[in-house]
PDB file of N, CA and C in Angstrom:
ATOM      1  N   SER A   1     -37.337 -27.539  -4.319  1.00  0.00           N
ATOM      2  CA  SER A   1     -36.184 -27.371  -5.080  1.00  0.00           C
ATOM      3  C   SER A   1     -35.494 -28.960  -4.702  1.00  0.00           C
ATOM      4  N   THR A   2     -35.181 -29.381  -6.074  1.00  0.00           N
ATOM      5  CA  THR A   2     -34.229 -29.986  -6.011  1.00  0.00           C
ATOM      6  C   THR A   2     -32.357 -30.346  -5.799  1.00  0.00           C
ATOM      7  N   ILE A   3     -32.320 -31.139  -4.412  1.00  0.00           N
ATOM      8  CA  ILE A   3     -30.878 -30.973  -4.579  1.00  0.00           C
ATOM      9  C   ILE A   3     -30.202 -32.509  -5.002  1.00  0.00           C
ATOM     10  N   ALA A   4     -28.597 -32.638  -5.627  1.00  0.00           N
ATOM     11  CA  ALA A   4     -28.016 -33.636  -5.621  1.00  0.00           C
ATOM     12  C   ALA A   4     -28.617 -34.768  -4.959  1.00  0.00           C
ATOM     13  N   LYS A   5     -28.978 -35.489  -5.948  1.00  0.00           N
ATOM     14  CA  LYS A   5     -29.028 -37.084  -5.269  1.00  0.00           C
ATOM     15  C   LYS A   5     -27.905 -37.464  -3.879  1.00  0.00           C
ATOM     16  N   ASP A   6     -26.638 -37.729  -4.273  1.00  0.00           N
ATOM     17  CA  ASP A   6     -25.922 -37.913  -3.074  1.00  0.00           C
ATOM     18  C   ASP A   6     -25.353 -36.961  -2.243  1.00  0.00           C
ATOM     19  N   ILE A   7     -26.128 -35.612  -2.381  1.00  0.00           N
ATOM     20  CA  ILE A   7     -25.579 -34.629  -1.430  1.00  0.00           C
ATOM     21  C   ILE A   7     -26.765 -34.542  -0.680  1.00  0.00           C
ATOM     22  N   HIS A   8     -26.844 -34.556   0.938  1.00  0.00           N
ATOM     23  CA  HIS A   8     -28.211 -34.520   2.029  1.00  0.00           C
ATOM     24  C   HIS A   8     -28.136 -33.574   1.883  1.00  0.00           C
ATOM     25  N   GLN A   9     -29.811 -32.622   2.203  1.00  0.00           N
ATOM     26  CA  GLN A   9     -29.730 -31.321   2.608  1.00  0.00           C
ATOM     27  C   GLN A   9     -29.481 -30.540   3.924  1.00  0.00           C
ATOM     28  N   ASP A  10     -28.899 -31.593   5.000  1.00  0.00           N
ATOM     29  CA  ASP A  10     -28.926 -31.107   6.085  1.00  0.00           C
ATOM     30  C   ASP A  10     -26.814 -31.142   5.964  1.00  0.00           C
ATOM     31  N   ASP A  11     -26.455 -31.962   4.967  1.00  0.00           N
ATOM     32  CA  ASP A  11     -24.744 -31.773   5.223  1.00  0.00           C
ATOM     33  C   ASP A  11     -24.822 -30.531   4.296  1.00  0.00           C
ATOM     34  N   LEU A  12     -25.728 -30.084   3.256  1.00  0.00           N
ATOM     35  CA  LEU A  12     -25.232 -28.838   2.571  1.00  0.00           C
ATOM     36  C   LEU A  12     -25.566 -27.731   3.268  1.00  0.00           C
ATOM     37  N   VAL A  13     -26.529 -27.916   4.132  1.00  0.00           N
ATOM     38  CA  VAL A  13     -27.048 -26.494   4.948  1.00  0.00           C
ATOM     39  C   VAL A  13     -25.583 -26.361   6.137  1.00  0.00           C
ATOM     40  N   LEU A  14     -24.649 -27.566   6.572  1.00  0.00           N
ATOM     41  CA  LEU A  14     -23.926 -27.723   7.501  1.00  0.00           C
ATOM     42  C   LEU A  14     -22.913 -26.898   6.705  1.00  0.00           C
ATOM     43  N   TRP A  15     -22.378 -27.583   5.596  1.00  0.00           N
ATOM     44  CA  TRP A  15     -21.604 -26.845   4.948  1.00  0.00           C
ATOM     45  C   TRP A  15     -21.405 -25.160   4.565  1.00  0.00           C
ATOM     46  N   LEU A  16     -22.397 -24.638   4.323  1.00  0.00           N
ATOM     47  CA  LEU A  16     -22.811 -23.472   3.520  1.00  0.00           C
ATOM     48  C   LEU A  16     -22.798 -22.996   5.171  1.00  0.00           C
ATOM     49  N   THR A  17     -23.059 -23.206   6.081  1.00  0.00           N
ATOM     50  CA  THR A  17     -23.255 -22.170   7.408  1.00  0.00           C
ATOM     51  C   THR A  17     -21.627 -22.367   8.089  1.00  0.00           C
ATOM     52  N   ASN A  18     -21.218 -23.128   7.899  1.00  0.00           N
ATOM     53  CA  ASN A  18     -19.343 -23.171   8.033  1.00  0.00           C
ATOM     54  C   ASN A  18     -18.887 -22.263   7.176  1.00  0.00           C
ATOM     55  N   ARG A  19     -19.396 -22.027   6.697  1.00  0.00           N
ATOM     56  CA  ARG A  19     -18.302 -21.327   5.215  1.00  0.00           C
ATOM     57  C   ARG A  19     -18.807 -19.423   4.903  1.00  0.00           C
ATOM     58  N   LEU A  20     -19.936 -19.129   6.311  1.00  0.00           N
ATOM     59  CA  LEU A  20     -20.836 -17.815   5.970  1.00  0.00           C
ATOM     60  C   LEU A  20     -20.033 -16.936   6.974  1.00  0.00           C
ATOM     61  N   LEU A  21     -19.958 -16.161   6.493  1.00  0.00           N
ATOM     62  CA  LEU A  21     -19.188 -14.685   7.303  1.00  0.00           C
ATOM     63  C   LEU A  21     -20.016 -13.183   7.311  1.00  0.00           C
ATOM     64  N   ILE A  22     -20.206 -12.944   8.960  1.00  0.00           N
ATOM     65  CA  ILE A  22     -20.678 -11.222   8.622  1.00  0.00           C
ATOM     66  C   ILE A  22     -19.231 -10.490   8.819  1.00  0.00           C
ATOM     67  N   GLU A  23     -18.721  -9.678   8.246  1.00  0.00           N
ATOM     68  CA  GLU A  23     -18.272  -8.794   7.951  1.00  0.00           C
ATOM     69  C   GLU A  23     -19.281  -7.105   8.095  1.00  0.00           C
ATOM     70  N   LYS A  24     -18.044  -6.479   8.507  1.00  0.00           N
ATOM     71  CA  LYS A  24     -18.992  -4.855   8.224  1.00  0.00           C
ATOM     72  C   LYS A  24     -18.442  -4.013   6.979  1.00  0.00           C
ATOM     73  N   ASP A  25     -19.171  -3.675   6.483  1.00  0.00           N
ATOM     74  CA  ASP A  25     -18.290  -2.904   5.607  1.00  0.00           C
ATOM     75  C   ASP A  25     -17.626  -1.346   5.700  1.00  0.00           C
ATOM     76  N   GLN A  26     -16.545  -1.547   5.259  1.00  0.00           N
ATOM     77  CA  GLN A  26     -15.544  -0.234   5.599  1.00  0.00           C
ATOM     78  C   GLN A  26     -16.304   0.752   5.415  1.00  0.00           C
ATOM     79  N   ILE A  27     -17.449   1.679   4.519  1.00  0.00           N
ATOM     80  CA  ILE A  27     -17.638   2.396   3.940  1.00  0.00           C
ATOM     81  C   ILE A  27     -18.645   2.618   4.427  1.00  0.00           C
ATOM     82  N   THR A  28     -19.929   1.915   4.420  1.00  0.00           N
ATOM     83  CA  THR A  28     -20.922   1.868   5.025  1.00  0.00           C
ATOM     84  C   THR A  28     -21.121   1.735   6.203  1.00  0.00           C
ATOM     85  N   GLY A  29     -20.697   1.022   6.850  1.00  0.00           N
ATOM     86  CA  GLY A  29     -20.515   0.870   8.228  1.00  0.00           C
ATOM     87  C   GLY A  29     -21.633  -0.822   8.566  1.00  0.00           C
ATOM     88  N   ASN A  30     -22.712  -0.718   7.121  1.00  0.00           N
ATOM     89  CA  ASN A  30     -23.187  -2.058   7.340  1.00  0.00           C
ATOM     90  C   ASN A  30     -22.804  -3.533   7.797  1.00  0.00           C
ATOM     91  N   SER A  31     -23.284  -4.301   8.409  1.00  0.00           N
ATOM     92  CA  SER A  31     -22.968  -5.528   7.851  1.00  0.00           C
ATOM     93  C   SER A  31     -23.417  -6.364   6.907  1.00  0.00           C
ATOM     94  N   CYS A  32     -22.652  -7.214   6.490  1.00  0.00           N
ATOM     95  CA  CYS A  32     -22.839  -7.913   4.993  1.00  0.00           C
ATOM     96  C   CYS A  32     -22.788  -9.416   5.735  1.00  0.00           C
ATOM     97  N   LEU A  33     -23.030 -10.252   4.884  1.00  0.00           N
ATOM     98  CA  LEU A  33     -23.055 -11.472   5.024  1.00  0.00           C
ATOM     99  C   LEU A  33     -22.358 -12.354   3.850  1.00  0.00           C
ATOM    100  N   LEU A  34     -21.409 -12.597   4.061  1.00  0.00           N
ATOM    101  CA  LEU A  34     -20.951 -13.060   3.064  1.00  0.00           C
ATOM    102  C   LEU A  34     -20.199 -14.831   2.798  1.00  0.00           C
ATOM    103  N   LEU A  35     -20.186 -15.272   1.898  1.00  0.00           N
ATOM    104  CA  LEU A  35     -19.283 -16.655   1.668  1.00  0.00           C
ATOM    105  C   LEU A  35     -17.605 -16.561   1.886  1.00  0.00           C
ATOM    106  N   GLN A  36     -17.438 -17.458   1.841  1.00  0.00           N
ATOM    107  CA  GLN A  36     -15.902 -17.334   2.471  1.00  0.00           C
ATOM    108  C   GLN A  36     -14.807 -17.019   1.410  1.00  0.00           C
ATOM    109  N   CYS A  37     -15.297 -17.448   0.469  1.00  0.00           N
ATOM    110  CA  CYS A  37     -14.433 -17.482  -0.704  1.00  0.00           C
ATOM    111  C   CYS A  37     -15.162 -16.203  -1.213  1.00  0.00           C
ATOM    112  N   ASP A  38     -15.619 -15.418  -1.188  1.00  0.00           N
ATOM    113  CA  ASP A  38     -16.021 -13.774  -1.338  1.00  0.00           C
ATOM    114  C   ASP A  38     -14.899 -12.634  -0.561  1.00  0.00           C
ATOM    115  N   SER A  39     -15.448 -13.204   1.297  1.00  0.00           N
ATOM    116  CA  SER A  39     -14.474 -12.473   2.003  1.00  0.00           C
ATOM    117  C   SER A  39     -13.168 -12.795   1.405  1.00  0.00           C
ATOM    118  N   ASP A  40     -12.937 -13.213   1.063  1.00  0.00           N
ATOM    119  CA  ASP A  40     -11.148 -13.753   0.532  1.00  0.00           C
ATOM    120  C   ASP A  40     -11.286 -13.220  -0.580  1.00  0.00           C
ATOM    121  N   GLU A  41     -11.809 -12.911  -1.357  1.00  0.00           N
ATOM    122  CA  GLU A  41     -11.474 -12.022  -3.004  1.00  0.00           C
ATOM    123  C   GLU A  41     -11.585 -10.639  -2.343  1.00  0.00           C
ATOM    124  N   LYS A  42     -12.791 -10.434  -1.568  1.00  0.00           N
ATOM    125  CA  LYS A  42     -12.803  -9.079  -0.784  1.00  0.00           C
ATOM    126  C   LYS A  42     -11.104  -8.846  -0.724  1.00  0.00           C
ATOM    127  N   LYS A  43     -10.726  -9.721   0.500  1.00  0.00           N
ATOM    128  CA  LYS A  43      -9.508  -9.589   1.356  1.00  0.00           C
ATOM    129  C   LYS A  43      -8.259  -9.086   0.097  1.00  0.00           C
ATOM    130  N   LYS A  44      -8.528 -10.141  -1.045  1.00  0.00           N
ATOM    131  CA  LYS A  44      -7.054 -10.017  -2.245  1.00  0.00           C
ATOM    132  C   LYS A  44      -7.398  -8.278  -2.879  1.00  0.00           C
ATOM    133  N   ILE A  45      -8.718  -8.015  -3.138  1.00  0.00           N
ATOM    134  CA  ILE A  45      -8.989  -6.883  -3.596  1.00  0.00           C
ATOM    135  C   ILE A  45      -8.033  -5.542  -2.665  1.00  0.00           C
ATOM    136  N   ILE A  46      -8.324  -5.902  -1.300  1.00  0.00           N
ATOM    137  CA  ILE A  46      -7.965  -4.587  -1.021  1.00  0.00           C
ATOM    138  C   ILE A  46      -6.567  -4.258  -0.118  1.00  0.00           C
ATOM    139  N   MET A  47      -5.766  -5.791  -0.307  1.00  0.00           N
ATOM    140  CA  MET A  47      -4.857  -5.933  -0.900  1.00  0.00           C
ATOM    141  C   MET A  47      -3.480  -5.732  -1.234  1.00  0.00           C
ATOM    142  N   THR A  48      -4.539  -5.672  -2.478  1.00  0.00           N
ATOM    143  CA  THR A  48      -3.498  -5.360  -3.979  1.00  0.00           C
ATOM    144  C   THR A  48      -3.744  -4.082  -4.148  1.00  0.00           C
ATOM    145  N   LYS A  49      -5.053  -3.494  -3.578  1.00  0.00           N
ATOM    146  CA  LYS A  49      -5.001  -1.904  -3.228  1.00  0.00           C
ATOM    147  C   LYS A  49      -4.135  -0.945  -2.655  1.00  0.00           C
ATOM    148  N   LYS A  50      -3.612  -1.521  -1.453  1.00  0.00           N
ATOM    149  CA  LYS A  50      -2.522  -1.537  -0.688  1.00  0.00           C
ATOM    150  C   LYS A  50      -1.270  -1.840  -1.154  1.00  0.00           C
ATOM    151  N   VAL A  51      -1.146  -2.369  -1.619  1.00  0.00           N
ATOM    152  CA  VAL A  51       0.126  -2.466  -2.618  1.00  0.00           C
ATOM    153  C   VAL A  51       0.292  -1.605  -3.540  1.00  0.00           C
ATOM    154  N   GLN A  52      -0.611  -1.557  -4.775  1.00  0.00           N
ATOM    155  CA  GLN A  52      -0.409  -0.289  -5.516  1.00  0.00           C
ATOM    156  C   GLN A  52      -0.479   0.944  -4.863  1.00  0.00           C
ATOM    157  N   SER A  53      -1.115   1.314  -3.627  1.00  0.00           N
ATOM    158  CA  SER A  53      -0.960   2.601  -2.975  1.00  0.00           C
ATOM    159  C   SER A  53       0.436   2.465  -2.417  1.00  0.00           C
ATOM    160  N   ILE A  54       1.229   1.410  -2.224  1.00  0.00           N
ATOM    161  CA  ILE A  54       2.532   1.692  -1.463  1.00  0.00           C
ATOM    162  C   ILE A  54       3.962   1.641  -2.803  1.00  0.00           C
ATOM    163  N   TRP A  55       3.183   1.074  -3.687  1.00  0.00           N
ATOM    164  CA  TRP A  55       4.313   1.629  -5.263  1.00  0.00           C
ATOM    165  C   TRP A  55       4.281   2.570  -5.201  1.00  0.00           C
ATOM    166  N   ARG A  56       2.943   3.342  -5.844  1.00  0.00           N
ATOM    167  CA  ARG A  56       2.451   4.957  -6.351  1.00  0.00           C
ATOM    168  C   ARG A  56       3.150   5.566  -5.328  1.00  0.00           C
ATOM    169  N   ARG A  57       3.345   4.974  -4.213  1.00  0.00           N
ATOM    170  CA  ARG A  57       4.417   6.098  -3.353  1.00  0.00           C
ATOM    171  C   ARG A  57       5.478   5.785  -3.487  1.00  0.00           C
ATOM    172  N   VAL A  58       6.629   4.811  -3.728  1.00  0.00           N
ATOM    173  CA  VAL A  58       7.874   4.793  -3.515  1.00  0.00           C
ATOM    174  C   VAL A  58       7.835   5.413  -5.013  1.00  0.00           C
ATOM    175  N   MET A  59       7.268   5.228  -6.121  1.00  0.00           N
ATOM    176  CA  MET A  59       7.634   5.925  -7.386  1.00  0.00           C
ATOM    177  C   MET A  59       7.648   7.363  -6.948  1.00  0.00           C
ATOM    178  N   ALA A  60       6.710   7.926  -6.556  1.00  0.00           N
ATOM    179  CA  ALA A  60       6.433   9.571  -6.395  1.00  0.00           C
ATOM    180  C   ALA A  60       7.885   9.865  -5.567  1.00  0.00           C
ATOM    181  N   ARG A  61       7.818   9.405  -4.535  1.00  0.00           N
ATOM    182  CA  ARG A  61       9.550   9.451  -3.779  1.00  0.00           C
ATOM    183  C   ARG A  61      10.638   9.316  -4.362  1.00  0.00           C
ATOM    184  N   LYS A  62      11.063   8.571  -5.290  1.00  0.00           N
ATOM    185  CA  LYS A  62      11.585   8.293  -6.095  1.00  0.00           C
ATOM    186  C   LYS A  62      11.755   9.769  -7.108  1.00  0.00           C
ATOM    187  N   GLU A  63      10.426  10.200  -7.291  1.00  0.00           N
ATOM    188  CA  GLU A  63      10.794  11.099  -8.643  1.00  0.00           C
ATOM    189  C   GLU A  63      10.753  12.711  -8.107  1.00  0.00           C
ATOM    190  N   VAL A  64      10.413  12.368  -6.896  1.00  0.00           N
ATOM    191  CA  VAL A  64      10.748  13.943  -6.015  1.00  0.00           C
ATOM    192  C   VAL A  64      12.563  13.663  -5.134  1.00  0.00           C
ATOM    193  N   ALA A  65      12.832  12.191  -5.250  1.00  0.00           N
ATOM    194  CA  ALA A  65      14.482  12.466  -4.743  1.00  0.00           C
ATOM    195  C   ALA A  65      15.384  12.839  -6.254  1.00  0.00           C
ATOM    196  N   LYS A  66      14.560  12.512  -7.248  1.00  0.00           N
ATOM    197  CA  LYS A  66      15.331  12.885  -8.569  1.00  0.00           C
ATOM    198  C   LYS A  66      15.030  14.358  -9.106  1.00  0.00           C
ATOM    199  N   ILE A  67      14.846  14.997  -8.688  1.00  0.00           N
ATOM    200  CA  ILE A  67      14.450  16.275  -8.750  1.00  0.00           C
ATOM    201  C   ILE A  67      14.740  17.181  -8.103  1.00  0.00           C
ATOM    202  N   MET A  68      15.031  16.683  -6.694  1.00  0.00           N
ATOM    203  CA  MET A  68      15.849  17.431  -5.831  1.00  0.00           C
ATOM    204  C   MET A  68      17.314  16.950  -5.986  1.00  0.00           C
ATOM    205  N   HIS A  69      17.515  16.004  -6.507  1.00  0.00           N
ATOM    206  CA  HIS A  69      19.078  16.105  -6.935  1.00  0.00           C
ATOM    207  C   HIS A  69      19.923  16.524  -8.176  1.00  0.00           C
ATOM    208  N   THR A  70      18.325  17.519  -8.973  1.00  0.00           N
ATOM    209  CA  THR A  70      18.786  18.161  -9.882  1.00  0.00           C
ATOM    210  C   THR A  70      19.009  19.621  -9.519  1.00  0.00           C
ATOM    211  N   LYS A  71      18.617  19.695  -7.842  1.00  0.00           N
ATOM    212  CA  LYS A  71      18.181  21.101  -7.752  1.00  0.00           C
ATOM    213  C   LYS A  71      19.884  21.538  -6.587  1.00  0.00           C
ATOM    214  N   TYR A  72      20.151  20.237  -5.903  1.00  0.00           N
ATOM    215  CA  TYR A  72      21.236  20.370  -5.168  1.00  0.00           C
ATOM    216  C   TYR A  72      22.190  19.574  -5.770  1.00  0.00           C
ATOM    217  N   GLU A  73      23.596  20.365  -5.431  1.00  0.00           N
ATOM    218  CA  GLU A  73      24.755  19.482  -6.159  1.00  0.00           C
ATOM    219  C   GLU A  73      25.708  19.083  -4.021  1.00  0.00           C
ATOM    220  N   LYS A  74      26.599  18.209  -4.560  1.00  0.00           N
ATOM    221  CA  LYS A  74      26.907  17.560  -3.488  1.00  0.00           C
ATOM    222  C   LYS A  74      27.992  17.977  -3.159  1.00  0.00           C
ATOM    223  N   GLY A  75      29.176  18.543  -2.130  1.00  0.00           N
ATOM    224  CA  GLY A  75      30.018  18.998  -2.240  1.00  0.00           C
ATOM    225  C   GLY A  75      30.927  18.415  -1.132  1.00  0.00           C
ATOM    226  N   PHE A  76      32.378  18.408  -0.870  1.00  0.00           N
ATOM    227  CA  PHE A  76      32.965  17.800   0.345  1.00  0.00           C
ATOM    228  C   PHE A  76      34.384  19.069   0.478  1.00  0.00           C
ATOM    229  N   ASP A  77      33.782  19.081   2.002  1.00  0.00           N
ATOM    230  CA  ASP A  77      35.009  20.011   2.795  1.00  0.00           C
ATOM    231  C   ASP A  77      36.291  19.158   3.154  1.00  0.00           C
ATOM    232  N   ARG A  78      37.078  19.624   2.770  1.00  0.00           N
ATOM    233  CA  ARG A  78      38.440  18.442   3.073  1.00  0.00           C
ATOM    234  C   ARG A  78      39.045  19.128   4.482  1.00  0.00           C
ATOM    235  N   LYS A  79      38.663  20.070   4.617  1.00  0.00           N
ATOM    236  CA  LYS A  79      39.183  20.874   5.775  1.00  0.00           C
ATOM    237  C   LYS A  79      38.996  20.450   7.391  1.00  0.00           C
ATOM    238  N   ILE A  80      37.101  19.935   6.861  1.00  0.00           N
ATOM    239  CA  ILE A  80      36.607  19.460   7.993  1.00  0.00           C
ATOM    240  C   ILE A  80      36.216  17.937   7.822  1.00  0.00           C
ATOM    241  N   GLN A  81      36.471  17.653   6.593  1.00  0.00           N
ATOM    242  CA  GLN A  81      36.178  16.261   6.214  1.00  0.00           C
ATOM    243  C   GLN A  81      34.338  15.839   6.684  1.00  0.00           C
ATOM    244  N   GLN A  82      33.342  16.988   5.832  1.00  0.00           N
ATOM    245  CA  GLN A  82      32.642  16.655   5.886  1.00  0.00           C
ATOM    246  C   GLN A  82      31.712  17.152   4.515  1.00  0.00           C
ATOM    247  N   HIS A  83      30.474  16.218   4.073  1.00  0.00           N
ATOM    248  CA  HIS A  83      30.144  16.644   2.778  1.00  0.00           C
ATOM    249  C   HIS A  83      28.927  17.930   2.889  1.00  0.00           C
ATOM    250  N   TYR A  84      28.639  18.869   1.864  1.00  0.00           N
ATOM    251  CA  TYR A  84      27.889  20.000   1.925  1.00  0.00           C
ATOM    252  C   TYR A  84      26.840  19.775   1.311  1.00  0.00           C
ATOM    253  N   TYR A  85      25.771  20.748   1.205  1.00  0.00           N
ATOM    254  CA  TYR A  85      25.047  20.936  -0.423  1.00  0.00           C
ATOM    255  C   TYR A  85      25.145  21.850  -0.500  1.00  0.00           C
ATOM    256  N   ILE A  86      24.602  22.593  -2.153  1.00  0.00           N
ATOM    257  CA  ILE A  86      24.654  23.951  -2.885  1.00  0.00           C
ATOM    258  C   ILE A  86      23.567  24.031  -3.321  1.00  0.00           C
ATOM    259  N   ASP A  87      22.630  24.824  -3.261  1.00  0.00           N
ATOM    260  CA  ASP A  87      21.487  24.922  -4.141  1.00  0.00           C
ATOM    261  C   ASP A  87      22.188  25.457  -5.351  1.00  0.00           C
ATOM    262  N   ILE A  88      21.756  24.618  -6.043  1.00  0.00           N
ATOM    263  CA  ILE A  88      22.657  25.210  -7.886  1.00  0.00           C
ATOM    264  C   ILE A  88      21.421  26.576  -8.084  1.00  0.00           C
ATOM    265  N   LYS A  89      20.573  26.908  -7.779  1.00  0.00           N
ATOM    266  CA  LYS A  89      19.683  27.871  -8.159  1.00  0.00           C
ATOM    267  C   LYS A  89      20.312  29.608  -7.368  1.00  0.00           C
ATOM    268  N   THR A  90      20.257  29.140  -5.984  1.00  0.00           N
ATOM    269  CA  THR A  90      20.835  30.538  -5.287  1.00  0.00           C
ATOM    270  C   THR A  90      22.005  30.058  -4.808  1.00  0.00           C
ATOM    271  N   GLY A  91      22.707  29.087  -4.756  1.00  0.00           N
ATOM    272  CA  GLY A  91      24.670  28.771  -4.739  1.00  0.00           C
ATOM    273  C   GLY A  91      24.434  28.897  -2.564  1.00  0.00           C
ATOM    274  N   SER A  92      23.559  28.989  -2.138  1.00  0.00           N
ATOM    275  CA  SER A  92      23.341  28.670  -1.029  1.00  0.00           C
ATOM    276  C   SER A  92      24.209  27.642  -0.402  1.00  0.00           C
ATOM    277  N   LYS A  93      24.989  27.029   0.574  1.00  0.00           N
ATOM    278  CA  LYS A  93      25.543  25.729   0.840  1.00  0.00           C
ATOM    279  C   LYS A  93      24.446  25.789   2.286  1.00  0.00           C
ATOM    280  N   GLN A  94      24.850  23.815   2.615  1.00  0.00           N
ATOM    281  CA  GLN A  94      24.035  23.906   3.546  1.00  0.00           C
ATOM    282  C   GLN A  94      24.433  22.882   4.017  1.00  0.00           C
ATOM    283  N   TRP A  95      24.782  22.418   5.363  1.00  0.00           N
ATOM    284  CA  TRP A  95      25.586  21.166   6.061  1.00  0.00           C
ATOM    285  C   TRP A  95      24.738  19.632   5.940  1.00  0.00           C
ATOM    286  N   LEU A  96      23.244  20.343   6.490  1.00  0.00           N
ATOM    287  CA  LEU A  96      22.926  18.801   6.699  1.00  0.00           C
ATOM    288  C   LEU A  96      21.917  18.759   5.254  1.00  0.00           C
ATOM    289  N   LYS A  97      21.976  17.120   4.945  1.00  0.00           N
ATOM    290  CA  LYS A  97      21.309  16.881   3.696  1.00  0.00           C
ATOM    291  C   LYS A  97      19.829  17.371   3.503  1.00  0.00           C
ATOM    292  N   PRO A  98      19.273  17.159   2.623  1.00  0.00           N
ATOM    293  CA  PRO A  98      18.389  18.214   2.309  1.00  0.00           C
ATOM    294  C   PRO A  98      17.332  16.715   2.231  1.00  0.00           C
ATOM    295  N   ARG A  99      15.938  17.051   3.135  1.00  0.00           N
ATOM    296  CA  ARG A  99      15.075  15.982   3.862  1.00  0.00           C
ATOM    297  C   ARG A  99      14.694  14.715   2.340  1.00  0.00           C
ATOM    298  N   LEU A 100      14.734  15.500   1.303  1.00  0.00           N
ATOM    299  CA  LEU A 100      13.544  14.885   0.305  1.00  0.00           C
ATOM    300  C   LEU A 100      15.505  13.726  -0.641  1.00  0.00           C
ATOM    301  N   ILE A 101      16.238  14.137  -0.348  1.00  0.00           N
ATOM    302  CA  ILE A 101      17.779  13.430  -0.978  1.00  0.00           C
ATOM    303  C   ILE A 101      17.313  12.100  -0.755  1.00  0.00           C
TER     304      ILE A 101
END
């Protein structure tokens, strides 16, 4: 095969070997030979998935908190200067803040 005139084959081989990485596939456990740019792209995809997962988790917690706020009403006992929470459906009171609010 023909290589560009101004690039020597030895230089090209050196350039290529300096950018090769061996990574283990997290799913299959097989080793993969990757160019550094492929590895960087793979890392970007993994980080994007992590950020999306965190975002979905945060949004789900907000939704649960919104639902819980419709289930409980916050009150204040002036005598002992402490907040309490009333379950709107059952009318039961509790001094500890519900975990998901």
